[in-house]
Amino acid sequence: MTDNSYLPSKEDALAQLDLLTSSAIGRSKNQQKLLEYLLERELPVIEGNTADYHAPKEIEIAIDVFGKGENFNPAEDSTVRVNISNLRKKLENYYLQEGSAEKFFITIPVGAYRLTFKKNNDASVQSETETVSPETEQASGQVFNKKSVIGALLFMSVLVNVIAGYFWYKGAPPSFVGQTSKINAKDHDLWSDLRKSDKPVMIVLGDVYNFSEFSKELNRRRTIFDTNIKSDEDLKRYLAEYPEHPNTTLGFRQKLVSKGSTIALKNVFDLVAGKDRVNYRVASDIRAYHLRSFDIIYLGPLNGMGILEQYFQGSHFNLSKHNLQLENKDLSKRYSSPDNMNEGYTDYGLFAKVDGPRNNKIYIFSGFSDPSIMQVSWFMTNEGDLSSKEFESVINQNKLESYNNFEMLFKVPSMDGIDIKHEIIYGGVVDSSVIWASTD
């Protein structure tokens, strides 16, 4: 490492933060929160607003990051110092090994509670040895930078599902049978903002919190999904409130990504082809700074959106996660999640494109279950569908010609987890000005 001071751009700093919290920091939520907090405190310096900056104090970190009370005494509680020391070591180890080619290093000086940035003078030398030939680029169709590849590998469990979903897709779901081959919609006006944007892209996969319990009575482990329990913290509160579980003991916890999300991911790949920086996260790991710094594409169920649920503040719909229901506030109509998916049923899918809080865009491909997510992602990324009379009619009737700050609701008749056909039943304007007020 070098001692050269360096001031990265905000986008580069956040991109490296995303990489670090996905790899070097491991699974420690405390370490992730600490690094995110420290970088958030450095943003005024990065953005040139030094008058708004002061280095965080130990007590501030204790309260803001670790939930300590106002009576926190650093002489008696070493939580902050221990976590700062551990984080410093993890950063050093990362940049000595797999992060040695990064353009800059993030460090924590000994005795300090803030981040500093150091230029990596060796990065330019290494980058010259990693040049990809034009022939290789042409053969692959896209050159992914190191961060994109590492990010993808870190989500290998998700990508394994993508591969499985791809082969399922190759079996031709009924809704695709008889359709002409898909025409990439990347050049359609709907996607012009994403095409022209120089912001990094964050693809967010919706995840639903699950936990398991072991029933001694049945001698069987069961996976539980409860719409009121969405995190480890919710689960701990529930167990504290209901401690009497004579027949069960707590097992492992997991966050599951649906088949619909992985199929949708395949459908949007062409939209981000050629982008230098494409990052991947599950929705429960998205924070406010992601909303401000990336163009975001959400793929997943309505009850797995995490912080992106703020979108409904400016939507014509209310989302009830308790009974999985959408309510159109203007029309007083309710659309419910299907109860029985073993037979024919009606699913509902939602697409939205809205302004983000910092001159970025948020794109949402969602629905109650897999069929609607798959159908919406196919339709909105297919030039043939975006040029159809059905789509153009909804756009024109609802004065959505700007292709911005709007939403569409799809009715998707389905059977056995597969979308059969679709109908656009609603289109309307979204008021993005009220969505992100709490993230500014």
Protein backbone atom coordinates (compact mmCIF):
# COMPACT_ATOMS: atom_id res chain seq x y z
CA MET A 1 0.00 0.00 0.00
CA THR A 2 1.05 3.59 -0.46
CA ASP A 3 0.76 6.70 1.70
CA ASN A 4 -0.58 8.85 -1.14
CA SER A 5 -3.75 10.66 -0.19
CA TYR A 6 -6.57 10.24 -2.68
CA LEU A 7 -10.11 11.58 -2.98
CA PRO A 8 -12.34 9.22 -5.01
CA SER A 9 -15.56 10.22 -6.69
CA LYS A 10 -18.71 9.51 -4.74
CA GLU A 11 -19.72 6.83 -7.24
CA ASP A 12 -16.34 5.06 -6.98
CA ALA A 13 -16.39 5.20 -3.19
CA LEU A 14 -19.88 3.72 -3.01
CA ALA A 15 -19.06 1.06 -5.59
CA GLN A 16 -16.06 -0.04 -3.52
CA LEU A 17 -18.15 0.06 -0.35
CA ASP A 18 -20.65 -2.25 -2.01
CA LEU A 19 -17.85 -4.62 -2.96
CA LEU A 20 -16.33 -4.59 0.51
CA THR A 21 -19.60 -5.23 2.32
CA SER A 22 -20.26 -8.13 -0.04
CA SER A 23 -16.85 -9.78 0.34
CA ALA A 24 -14.10 -8.51 2.65
CA ILE A 25 -16.38 -7.82 5.59
CA GLY A 26 -18.02 -11.21 5.45
CA ARG A 27 -21.35 -11.83 7.16
CA SER A 28 -20.82 -9.55 10.13
CA LYS A 29 -23.77 -7.13 10.15
CA ASN A 30 -22.02 -4.95 12.74
CA GLN A 31 -18.93 -4.59 10.56
CA GLN A 32 -21.06 -3.83 7.50
CA LYS A 33 -23.07 -1.19 9.36
CA LEU A 34 -19.89 0.34 10.75
CA LEU A 35 -18.20 0.64 7.35
CA GLU A 36 -21.37 2.03 5.77
CA TYR A 37 -21.69 4.58 8.56
CA LEU A 38 -18.07 5.70 8.35
CA LEU A 39 -18.28 6.19 4.59
CA GLU A 40 -21.57 8.05 4.95
CA ARG A 41 -19.77 10.44 7.31
CA GLU A 42 -16.99 10.98 4.72
CA LEU A 43 -19.37 11.87 1.88
CA PRO A 44 -19.34 15.63 2.66
CA VAL A 45 -15.56 15.63 2.14
CA ILE A 46 -15.88 13.61 -1.06
CA GLU A 47 -18.54 16.00 -2.35
CA GLY A 48 -16.48 19.05 -1.43
CA ASN A 49 -18.68 20.20 1.48
CA THR A 50 -15.93 20.29 4.12
CA ALA A 51 -17.86 22.83 6.18
CA ASP A 52 -20.44 20.12 6.92
CA TYR A 53 -17.83 17.61 8.09
CA HIS A 54 -16.53 16.54 11.45
CA ALA A 55 -14.92 13.21 12.24
CA PRO A 56 -17.26 10.89 14.14
CA LYS A 57 -16.63 10.42 17.85
CA GLU A 58 -16.63 7.10 19.66
CA ILE A 59 -19.90 7.85 21.44
CA GLU A 60 -21.60 8.84 18.17
CA ILE A 61 -20.62 5.51 16.62
CA ALA A 62 -21.79 3.65 19.72
CA ILE A 63 -25.23 5.25 19.53
CA ASP A 64 -25.73 5.44 15.74
CA VAL A 65 -24.24 2.06 14.76
CA PHE A 66 -24.45 -0.22 17.78
CA GLY A 67 -27.63 1.11 19.39
CA LYS A 68 -26.04 2.14 22.68
CA GLY A 69 -27.80 4.59 24.97
CA GLU A 70 -26.90 8.19 25.75
CA ASN A 71 -25.21 6.94 28.94
CA PHE A 72 -22.62 4.96 26.95
CA ASN A 73 -19.27 4.99 28.77
CA PRO A 74 -16.28 4.14 26.52
CA ALA A 75 -14.13 3.49 29.59
CA GLU A 76 -16.39 0.56 30.49
CA ASP A 77 -17.53 -0.57 27.03
CA SER A 78 -14.97 -1.32 24.30
CA THR A 79 -17.53 -2.23 21.59
CA VAL A 80 -16.56 0.59 19.26
CA ARG A 81 -12.79 0.17 19.66
CA VAL A 82 -12.94 -3.58 19.13
CA ASN A 83 -15.07 -3.28 16.01
CA ILE A 84 -12.92 -0.47 14.59
CA SER A 85 -9.80 -2.58 15.14
CA ASN A 86 -11.37 -5.65 13.51
CA LEU A 87 -12.58 -3.60 10.55
CA ARG A 88 -9.13 -2.04 10.11
CA LYS A 89 -7.55 -5.51 9.95
CA LYS A 90 -10.13 -6.80 7.46
CA LEU A 91 -9.53 -3.84 5.16
CA GLU A 92 -5.77 -4.30 5.36
CA ASN A 93 -6.01 -8.01 4.59
CA TYR A 94 -8.36 -7.39 1.67
CA TYR A 95 -6.09 -4.84 -0.01
CA LEU A 96 -3.04 -7.02 0.53
CA GLN A 97 -4.73 -9.93 -1.26
CA GLU A 98 -7.74 -9.92 -3.62
CA GLY A 99 -8.12 -6.14 -3.50
CA SER A 100 -4.51 -5.39 -4.40
CA ALA A 101 -5.47 -4.16 -7.90
CA GLU A 102 -8.07 -1.63 -6.76
CA LYS A 103 -7.52 1.95 -7.90
CA PHE A 104 -7.54 3.16 -4.30
CA PHE A 105 -7.56 1.76 -0.79
CA ILE A 106 -9.91 2.53 2.08
CA THR A 107 -8.11 2.62 5.42
CA ILE A 108 -8.71 3.46 9.08
CA PRO A 109 -5.72 5.19 10.69
CA VAL A 110 -4.66 3.78 14.05
CA GLY A 111 -6.27 5.77 16.85
CA ALA A 112 -8.89 7.30 14.54
CA TYR A 113 -12.59 6.68 13.98
CA ARG A 114 -12.76 7.79 10.36
CA LEU A 115 -11.90 6.52 6.90
CA THR A 116 -9.06 7.75 4.71
CA PHE A 117 -8.37 7.00 1.06
CA LYS A 118 -5.00 6.08 -0.42
CA LYS A 119 -4.12 5.95 -4.09
CA ASN A 120 -2.82 2.60 -5.34
CA ASN A 121 0.14 3.48 -7.57
CA ASP A 122 0.44 -0.14 -8.67
CA ALA A 123 -3.12 -0.34 -10.04
CA SER A 124 -2.31 1.32 -13.37
CA VAL A 125 0.51 -1.14 -13.96
CA GLN A 126 -1.68 -4.14 -13.27
CA SER A 127 -4.57 -2.81 -15.37
CA GLU A 128 -2.29 -2.71 -18.40
CA THR A 129 -1.59 -6.43 -18.01
CA GLU A 130 -5.33 -7.23 -17.87
CA THR A 131 -6.26 -5.71 -21.22
CA VAL A 132 -8.85 -7.72 -23.15
CA SER A 133 -8.28 -8.16 -26.85
CA PRO A 134 -10.93 -6.94 -29.33
CA GLU A 135 -11.38 -10.54 -30.46
CA THR A 136 -12.17 -11.65 -26.91
CA GLU A 137 -14.56 -8.75 -26.42
CA GLN A 138 -16.38 -9.54 -29.64
CA ALA A 139 -16.68 -13.19 -28.73
CA SER A 140 -18.04 -12.54 -25.27
CA GLY A 141 -20.41 -9.75 -26.26
CA GLN A 142 -19.50 -7.78 -23.13
CA VAL A 143 -16.40 -7.13 -21.05
CA PHE A 144 -17.17 -7.22 -17.32
CA ASN A 145 -14.84 -5.34 -15.02
CA LYS A 146 -13.30 -7.01 -12.02
CA LYS A 147 -15.82 -5.64 -9.56
CA SER A 148 -18.75 -6.93 -11.58
CA VAL A 149 -17.26 -10.41 -11.79
CA ILE A 150 -16.42 -10.56 -8.10
CA GLY A 151 -19.85 -9.25 -7.21
CA ALA A 152 -21.46 -11.90 -9.36
CA LEU A 153 -19.36 -14.64 -7.80
CA LEU A 154 -20.29 -13.49 -4.35
CA PHE A 155 -23.89 -14.14 -5.26
CA MET A 156 -23.11 -17.57 -6.64
CA SER A 157 -26.04 -19.10 -4.84
CA VAL A 158 -28.35 -16.69 -6.62
CA LEU A 159 -26.66 -17.21 -9.97
CA VAL A 160 -26.94 -20.95 -9.63
CA ASN A 161 -30.67 -20.34 -9.52
CA VAL A 162 -30.33 -18.18 -12.61
CA ILE A 163 -28.74 -21.08 -14.46
CA ALA A 164 -31.49 -23.39 -13.32
CA GLY A 165 -34.05 -20.80 -14.34
CA TYR A 166 -32.42 -20.48 -17.74
CA PHE A 167 -32.86 -24.17 -18.48
CA TRP A 168 -36.43 -23.99 -17.20
CA TYR A 169 -36.97 -21.06 -19.55
CA LYS A 170 -35.50 -23.05 -22.45
CA GLY A 171 -38.37 -25.45 -21.93
CA ALA A 172 -40.64 -22.68 -23.30
CA PRO A 173 -43.28 -21.63 -20.76
CA PRO A 174 -46.75 -21.63 -22.31
CA SER A 175 -46.94 -17.83 -22.47
CA PHE A 176 -43.92 -17.83 -24.78
CA VAL A 177 -45.08 -20.64 -27.03
CA GLY A 178 -46.07 -19.31 -30.42
CA GLN A 179 -44.45 -15.94 -29.85
CA THR A 180 -41.81 -14.72 -32.23
CA SER A 181 -38.28 -14.62 -30.89
CA LYS A 182 -37.64 -11.84 -28.44
CA ILE A 183 -36.37 -8.50 -29.80
CA ASN A 184 -34.22 -6.63 -27.29
CA ALA A 185 -35.93 -3.40 -26.22
CA LYS A 186 -32.71 -1.65 -25.17
CA ASP A 187 -33.13 1.04 -27.87
CA HIS A 188 -36.77 1.78 -27.01
CA ASP A 189 -37.45 5.25 -25.55
CA LEU A 190 -38.52 3.61 -22.30
CA TRP A 191 -34.92 2.60 -21.67
CA SER A 192 -33.15 5.67 -23.05
CA ASP A 193 -32.42 7.02 -19.54
CA LEU A 194 -30.69 3.81 -18.52
CA ARG A 195 -28.86 3.62 -21.84
CA LYS A 196 -27.45 7.16 -21.52
CA SER A 197 -26.76 7.14 -17.79
CA ASP A 198 -23.18 7.07 -16.53
CA LYS A 199 -24.24 5.94 -13.06
CA PRO A 200 -23.43 2.42 -11.88
CA VAL A 201 -26.31 -0.05 -12.01
CA MET A 202 -27.58 -2.00 -9.03
CA ILE A 203 -29.69 -5.07 -9.84
CA VAL A 204 -31.73 -5.88 -6.75
CA LEU A 205 -33.31 -9.29 -6.27
CA GLY A 206 -36.30 -9.42 -3.96
CA ASP A 207 -35.82 -11.79 -1.05
CA VAL A 208 -38.32 -13.07 1.48
CA TYR A 209 -37.24 -13.78 5.04
CA ASN A 210 -37.72 -17.36 6.22
CA PHE A 211 -36.74 -19.26 9.33
CA SER A 212 -37.03 -22.87 10.33
CA GLU A 213 -38.14 -24.75 13.36
CA PHE A 214 -37.72 -28.35 14.44
CA SER A 215 -40.81 -30.07 15.73
CA LYS A 216 -39.93 -32.76 18.27
CA GLU A 217 -43.47 -34.05 18.03
CA LEU A 218 -43.28 -34.62 14.28
CA ASN A 219 -39.52 -35.26 14.19
CA ARG A 220 -39.36 -32.91 11.21
CA ARG A 221 -37.75 -29.57 10.38
CA ARG A 222 -40.12 -27.10 8.76
CA THR A 223 -39.40 -23.84 6.93
CA ILE A 224 -41.66 -21.01 8.08
CA PHE A 225 -42.69 -17.90 6.18
CA ASP A 226 -44.48 -15.25 8.23
CA THR A 227 -45.36 -11.91 6.63
CA ASN A 228 -44.94 -10.19 10.01
CA ILE A 229 -41.40 -11.51 10.54
CA LYS A 230 -39.04 -9.95 8.01
CA SER A 231 -35.66 -9.91 9.77
CA ASP A 232 -33.57 -11.41 12.57
CA GLU A 233 -34.70 -8.52 14.74
CA ASP A 234 -38.39 -9.27 14.08
CA LEU A 235 -37.79 -12.92 14.91
CA LYS A 236 -36.03 -12.09 18.16
CA ARG A 237 -38.91 -9.79 19.19
CA TYR A 238 -41.44 -12.51 18.37
CA LEU A 239 -39.57 -15.13 20.40
CA ALA A 240 -39.26 -12.71 23.30
CA GLU A 241 -43.01 -12.06 23.20
CA TYR A 242 -43.95 -15.74 22.83
CA PRO A 243 -41.30 -17.75 24.71
CA GLU A 244 -43.51 -20.82 25.16
CA HIS A 245 -42.56 -23.22 22.36
CA PRO A 246 -42.54 -26.68 23.98
CA ASN A 247 -42.49 -28.55 20.67
CA THR A 248 -40.08 -26.42 18.67
CA THR A 249 -36.54 -25.14 18.76
CA LEU A 250 -35.16 -22.40 16.55
CA GLY A 251 -33.17 -23.59 13.55
CA PHE A 252 -31.35 -21.71 10.82
CA ARG A 253 -32.49 -18.52 9.11
CA GLN A 254 -32.31 -17.89 5.39
CA LYS A 255 -33.28 -15.35 2.75
CA LEU A 256 -34.78 -16.95 -0.34
CA VAL A 257 -34.82 -15.60 -3.90
CA SER A 258 -37.67 -16.85 -6.09
CA LYS A 259 -37.53 -18.54 -9.47
CA GLY A 260 -39.42 -15.58 -10.94
CA SER A 261 -36.62 -13.20 -9.91
CA THR A 262 -33.95 -15.33 -11.57
CA ILE A 263 -35.92 -15.63 -14.82
CA ALA A 264 -36.49 -11.87 -14.75
CA LEU A 265 -32.75 -11.38 -14.26
CA LYS A 266 -32.09 -13.21 -17.51
CA ASN A 267 -34.63 -10.97 -19.26
CA VAL A 268 -32.92 -7.73 -18.18
CA PHE A 269 -29.33 -8.79 -18.88
CA ASP A 270 -29.40 -7.20 -22.34
CA LEU A 271 -30.45 -3.86 -20.87
CA VAL A 272 -27.20 -3.56 -18.90
CA ALA A 273 -24.89 -5.04 -21.54
CA GLY A 274 -21.94 -2.69 -22.00
CA LYS A 275 -22.30 -1.03 -18.60
CA ASP A 276 -18.97 -0.71 -16.81
CA ARG A 277 -20.33 -1.25 -13.33
CA VAL A 278 -23.17 -3.64 -12.59
CA ASN A 279 -23.66 -4.65 -8.96
CA TYR A 280 -25.96 -7.28 -7.47
CA ARG A 281 -27.68 -7.32 -4.09
CA VAL A 282 -30.72 -8.77 -2.39
CA ALA A 283 -33.32 -6.22 -1.34
CA SER A 284 -32.81 -6.69 2.39
CA ASP A 285 -29.22 -5.46 1.98
CA ILE A 286 -30.15 -2.21 0.20
CA ARG A 287 -29.52 0.98 2.16
CA ALA A 288 -30.39 4.65 1.60
CA TYR A 289 -27.04 5.45 0.01
CA HIS A 290 -27.69 2.82 -2.68
CA LEU A 291 -30.92 4.64 -3.58
CA ARG A 292 -28.98 7.85 -4.09
CA SER A 293 -26.00 6.51 -5.99
CA PHE A 294 -27.18 3.84 -8.45
CA ASP A 295 -29.68 3.30 -11.20
CA ILE A 296 -31.66 0.47 -9.60
CA ILE A 297 -33.49 -2.40 -11.26
CA TYR A 298 -35.67 -4.36 -8.83
CA LEU A 299 -36.73 -7.91 -9.71
CA GLY A 300 -38.88 -9.81 -7.28
CA PRO A 301 -42.08 -10.22 -5.30
CA LEU A 302 -44.09 -7.33 -3.90
CA ASN A 303 -43.45 -8.49 -0.35
CA GLY A 304 -39.68 -8.70 -0.87
CA MET A 305 -38.85 -5.10 -1.84
CA GLY A 306 -37.23 -3.96 1.39
CA ILE A 307 -36.51 -0.22 1.45
CA LEU A 308 -37.85 0.06 -2.11
CA GLU A 309 -41.35 -0.21 -0.64
CA GLN A 310 -41.08 3.56 -0.29
CA TYR A 311 -42.16 3.61 -3.93
CA PHE A 312 -45.76 3.11 -2.77
CA GLN A 313 -45.67 6.57 -1.15
CA GLY A 314 -46.11 8.06 -4.63
CA SER A 315 -48.02 5.18 -6.21
CA HIS A 316 -51.74 4.83 -6.85
CA PHE A 317 -51.54 1.53 -4.96
CA ASN A 318 -51.31 0.55 -1.33
CA LEU A 319 -49.58 -2.71 -0.48
CA SER A 320 -50.79 -4.84 2.39
CA LYS A 321 -48.11 -7.41 3.12
CA HIS A 322 -50.10 -9.01 5.90
CA ASN A 323 -52.69 -10.42 3.50
CA LEU A 324 -50.66 -9.87 0.27
CA GLN A 325 -53.04 -7.45 -1.39
CA LEU A 326 -52.78 -4.39 -3.64
CA GLU A 327 -55.41 -1.69 -3.37
CA ASN A 328 -55.89 0.94 -6.07
CA LYS A 329 -56.49 4.12 -4.05
CA ASP A 330 -58.28 5.88 -6.92
CA LEU A 331 -60.54 3.08 -8.10
CA SER A 332 -61.10 1.40 -4.71
CA LYS A 333 -60.25 -1.93 -6.28
CA ARG A 334 -58.32 -4.71 -4.57
CA TYR A 335 -56.06 -7.27 -6.18
CA SER A 336 -55.10 -10.26 -4.07
CA SER A 337 -52.34 -12.81 -4.16
CA PRO A 338 -53.55 -16.22 -5.41
CA ASP A 339 -54.41 -18.69 -2.66
CA ASN A 340 -54.11 -21.96 -4.58
CA MET A 341 -51.30 -22.19 -7.13
CA ASN A 342 -51.84 -25.84 -8.00
CA GLU A 343 -54.71 -25.04 -10.37
CA GLY A 344 -55.60 -22.17 -12.65
CA TYR A 345 -55.44 -18.80 -10.93
CA THR A 346 -55.00 -15.07 -11.58
CA ASP A 347 -51.76 -13.35 -10.64
CA TYR A 348 -51.00 -9.62 -10.80
CA GLY A 349 -47.75 -8.01 -11.86
CA LEU A 350 -46.48 -4.44 -11.48
CA PHE A 351 -44.00 -2.40 -13.51
CA ALA A 352 -42.87 1.08 -12.51
CA LYS A 353 -40.23 3.56 -13.61
CA VAL A 354 -39.63 6.51 -11.28
CA ASP A 355 -37.05 9.18 -10.58
CA GLY A 356 -34.66 8.32 -7.78
CA PRO A 357 -33.63 10.82 -5.11
CA ARG A 358 -30.40 11.98 -6.84
CA ASN A 359 -30.95 12.21 -10.61
CA ASN A 360 -31.05 8.45 -10.94
CA LYS A 361 -33.78 6.03 -12.01
CA ILE A 362 -35.58 3.20 -10.23
CA TYR A 363 -37.16 0.40 -12.30
CA ILE A 364 -39.48 -2.12 -10.65
CA PHE A 365 -40.48 -5.51 -12.08
CA SER A 366 -42.68 -7.13 -9.48
CA GLY A 367 -45.77 -9.18 -8.73
CA PHE A 368 -47.39 -11.47 -6.21
CA SER A 369 -45.72 -14.65 -7.46
CA ASP A 370 -43.35 -16.04 -10.11
CA PRO A 371 -45.67 -15.97 -13.18
CA SER A 372 -46.39 -12.24 -12.93
CA ILE A 373 -42.73 -11.34 -12.31
CA MET A 374 -41.67 -13.38 -15.33
CA GLN A 375 -44.40 -11.97 -17.56
CA VAL A 376 -43.76 -8.32 -16.63
CA SER A 377 -40.00 -8.69 -17.13
CA TRP A 378 -40.52 -10.34 -20.53
CA PHE A 379 -43.06 -7.78 -21.74
CA MET A 380 -41.17 -4.65 -20.66
CA THR A 381 -37.86 -5.80 -22.17
CA ASN A 382 -39.29 -7.01 -25.49
CA GLU A 383 -39.39 -4.51 -28.35
CA GLY A 384 -42.30 -6.37 -29.95
CA ASP A 385 -44.47 -5.91 -26.85
CA LEU A 386 -43.44 -2.29 -26.33
CA SER A 387 -44.46 -1.57 -29.92
CA SER A 388 -47.82 -3.35 -29.55
CA LYS A 389 -51.18 -1.60 -29.80
CA GLU A 390 -51.99 -2.70 -26.27
CA PHE A 391 -48.96 -0.96 -24.75
CA GLU A 392 -49.23 2.17 -26.90
CA SER A 393 -52.95 2.46 -26.11
CA VAL A 394 -52.32 2.43 -22.35
CA ILE A 395 -49.50 4.95 -22.76
CA ASN A 396 -51.60 7.32 -24.85
CA GLN A 397 -54.82 7.02 -22.84
CA ASN A 398 -53.03 7.82 -19.59
CA LYS A 399 -50.70 10.50 -21.04
CA LEU A 400 -47.54 8.58 -20.20
CA GLU A 401 -45.64 9.50 -23.37
CA SER A 402 -42.62 10.68 -21.37
CA TYR A 403 -42.06 7.05 -20.30
CA ASN A 404 -41.09 8.34 -16.87
CA ASN A 405 -42.69 8.32 -13.41
CA PHE A 406 -45.40 5.86 -14.34
CA GLU A 407 -46.70 2.44 -13.35
CA MET A 408 -48.64 -0.37 -14.99
CA LEU A 409 -50.59 -3.25 -13.50
CA PHE A 410 -50.75 -6.56 -15.38
CA LYS A 411 -53.38 -9.25 -14.96
CA VAL A 412 -51.65 -12.60 -15.52
CA PRO A 413 -53.78 -15.77 -15.74
CA SER A 414 -51.50 -18.61 -14.68
CA MET A 415 -51.39 -22.32 -14.01
CA ASP A 416 -49.00 -24.45 -11.98
CA GLY A 417 -46.53 -21.60 -11.50
CA ILE A 418 -46.44 -20.64 -15.20
CA ASP A 419 -47.86 -17.52 -16.84
CA ILE A 420 -50.38 -18.30 -19.61
CA LYS A 421 -51.12 -14.82 -20.97
CA HIS A 422 -51.47 -11.21 -19.80
CA GLU A 423 -53.60 -8.08 -19.91
CA ILE A 424 -52.57 -4.54 -18.92
CA ILE A 425 -55.44 -3.39 -16.69
CA TYR A 426 -54.07 -0.11 -15.33
CA GLY A 427 -51.63 2.68 -16.17
CA GLY A 428 -51.00 5.82 -14.18
CA VAL A 429 -48.58 8.58 -13.20
CA VAL A 430 -46.39 8.20 -10.11
CA ASP A 431 -45.55 11.21 -7.93
CA SER A 432 -41.84 10.60 -7.36
CA SER A 433 -41.42 13.87 -5.43
CA VAL A 434 -43.02 12.34 -2.31
CA ILE A 435 -41.31 8.96 -2.46
CA TRP A 436 -37.75 9.63 -1.36
CA ALA A 437 -38.16 12.52 1.07
CA SER A 438 -36.80 10.50 3.99
CA THR A 439 -33.64 9.49 2.08
CA ASP A 440 -32.44 12.99 1.17
